[in-house]
Amino acid sequence: MRSEDVAAKKFGMTRWREGYEPREVDELMDQVRETLAGYERRRSVDPIRGDDVVVSRFSPTRFRTGYDQNEVDDYLDEIVAALRQHEAR
């Protein structure tokens, strides 16, 4: 996984069922993108770690649009695996 993959990722939206607050998810994605970009450039970064992603929580949306929870959770699993690979180096 590369930083541009994270930057390009778009999540589906929910309307009638609970989703995740988009702003909060986007902020985490920005941190992940910056961390991966630092690893790619072999520059010192203040990384977000895989464990930080595992414990991240988002406010639920009710009666308004939000990101599809399953999509976000599945992508976060991929992010955790990618970050842990970098951390092991």
Protein backbone atom coordinates (compact mmCIF):
# COMPACT_ATOMS: atom_id res chain seq x y z
CA MET A 1 0.00 0.00 0.00
CA ARG A 2 1.29 3.42 -0.97
CA SER A 3 0.40 6.92 0.18
CA GLU A 4 -1.34 7.67 -3.11
CA ASP A 5 -3.58 4.62 -2.59
CA VAL A 6 -4.80 6.12 0.66
CA ALA A 7 -5.21 9.57 -0.91
CA ALA A 8 -7.32 8.11 -3.72
CA LYS A 9 -9.53 5.92 -1.52
CA LYS A 10 -13.23 6.82 -1.58
CA PHE A 11 -15.70 5.25 0.80
CA GLY A 12 -19.34 4.58 0.08
CA MET A 13 -21.88 6.67 1.94
CA THR A 14 -24.78 5.50 4.09
CA ARG A 15 -28.03 7.32 4.52
CA TRP A 16 -30.54 5.14 6.27
CA ARG A 17 -28.20 3.18 8.51
CA GLU A 18 -25.49 4.19 10.90
CA GLY A 19 -22.16 5.21 9.40
CA TYR A 20 -18.92 6.81 10.54
CA GLU A 21 -18.38 10.55 10.79
CA PRO A 22 -16.58 11.37 7.50
CA ARG A 23 -14.45 14.19 8.93
CA GLU A 24 -12.97 11.90 11.59
CA VAL A 25 -12.22 9.12 9.11
CA ASP A 26 -10.65 11.62 6.69
CA GLU A 27 -8.39 12.97 9.45
CA LEU A 28 -7.12 9.46 10.19
CA MET A 29 -6.60 8.79 6.48
CA ASP A 30 -4.52 12.00 6.25
CA GLN A 31 -2.29 10.79 9.09
CA VAL A 32 -1.88 7.40 7.44
CA ARG A 33 -1.10 9.01 4.07
CA GLU A 34 1.55 11.28 5.63
CA THR A 35 3.12 8.33 7.47
CA LEU A 36 3.29 6.19 4.34
CA ALA A 37 4.71 9.12 2.33
CA GLY A 38 7.46 9.50 4.93
CA TYR A 39 8.31 5.81 4.74
CA GLU A 40 8.35 5.99 0.92
CA ARG A 41 10.76 8.93 0.94
CA ARG A 42 12.85 7.32 3.68
CA ARG A 43 12.47 10.44 5.75
CA SER A 44 11.99 10.66 9.46
CA VAL A 45 8.31 10.79 10.29
CA ASP A 46 6.19 11.02 13.40
CA PRO A 47 4.27 7.95 12.30
CA ILE A 48 0.86 6.76 13.16
CA ARG A 49 1.35 3.16 14.15
CA GLY A 50 -0.70 0.11 13.32
CA ASP A 51 -1.79 -0.16 16.95
CA ASP A 52 -3.03 3.45 16.83
CA VAL A 53 -5.24 2.56 13.89
CA VAL A 54 -6.54 -0.56 15.66
CA VAL A 55 -7.78 1.47 18.64
CA SER A 56 -9.17 4.37 16.61
CA ARG A 57 -12.88 5.03 17.01
CA PHE A 58 -15.25 7.23 15.05
CA SER A 59 -18.45 8.96 16.01
CA PRO A 60 -21.51 7.26 14.56
CA THR A 61 -23.81 9.14 12.22
CA ARG A 62 -27.52 8.82 12.72
CA PHE A 63 -30.15 10.26 10.40
CA ARG A 64 -27.46 11.82 8.20
CA THR A 65 -24.88 10.57 5.75
CA GLY A 66 -21.72 8.86 6.90
CA TYR A 67 -19.09 6.50 5.56
CA ASP A 68 -20.05 2.85 5.25
CA GLN A 69 -18.70 1.20 8.40
CA ASN A 70 -17.85 -2.15 6.83
CA GLU A 71 -15.91 -0.51 4.00
CA VAL A 72 -13.94 1.66 6.42
CA ASP A 73 -13.23 -1.25 8.79
CA ASP A 74 -12.03 -3.50 5.95
CA TYR A 75 -9.71 -0.80 4.61
CA LEU A 76 -8.37 -0.11 8.10
CA ASP A 77 -7.40 -3.78 8.34
CA GLU A 78 -5.34 -3.36 5.16
CA ILE A 79 -3.76 -0.19 6.54
CA VAL A 80 -2.79 -1.90 9.79
CA ALA A 81 -1.06 -4.69 7.87
CA ALA A 82 0.83 -2.18 5.71
CA LEU A 83 1.93 -0.07 8.67
CA ARG A 84 3.08 -3.11 10.60
CA GLN A 85 5.24 -4.17 7.66
CA HIS A 86 6.99 -0.78 7.75
CA GLU A 87 7.31 -0.90 11.53
CA ALA A 88 9.03 -4.30 11.34
CA ARG A 89 11.84 -2.91 9.16
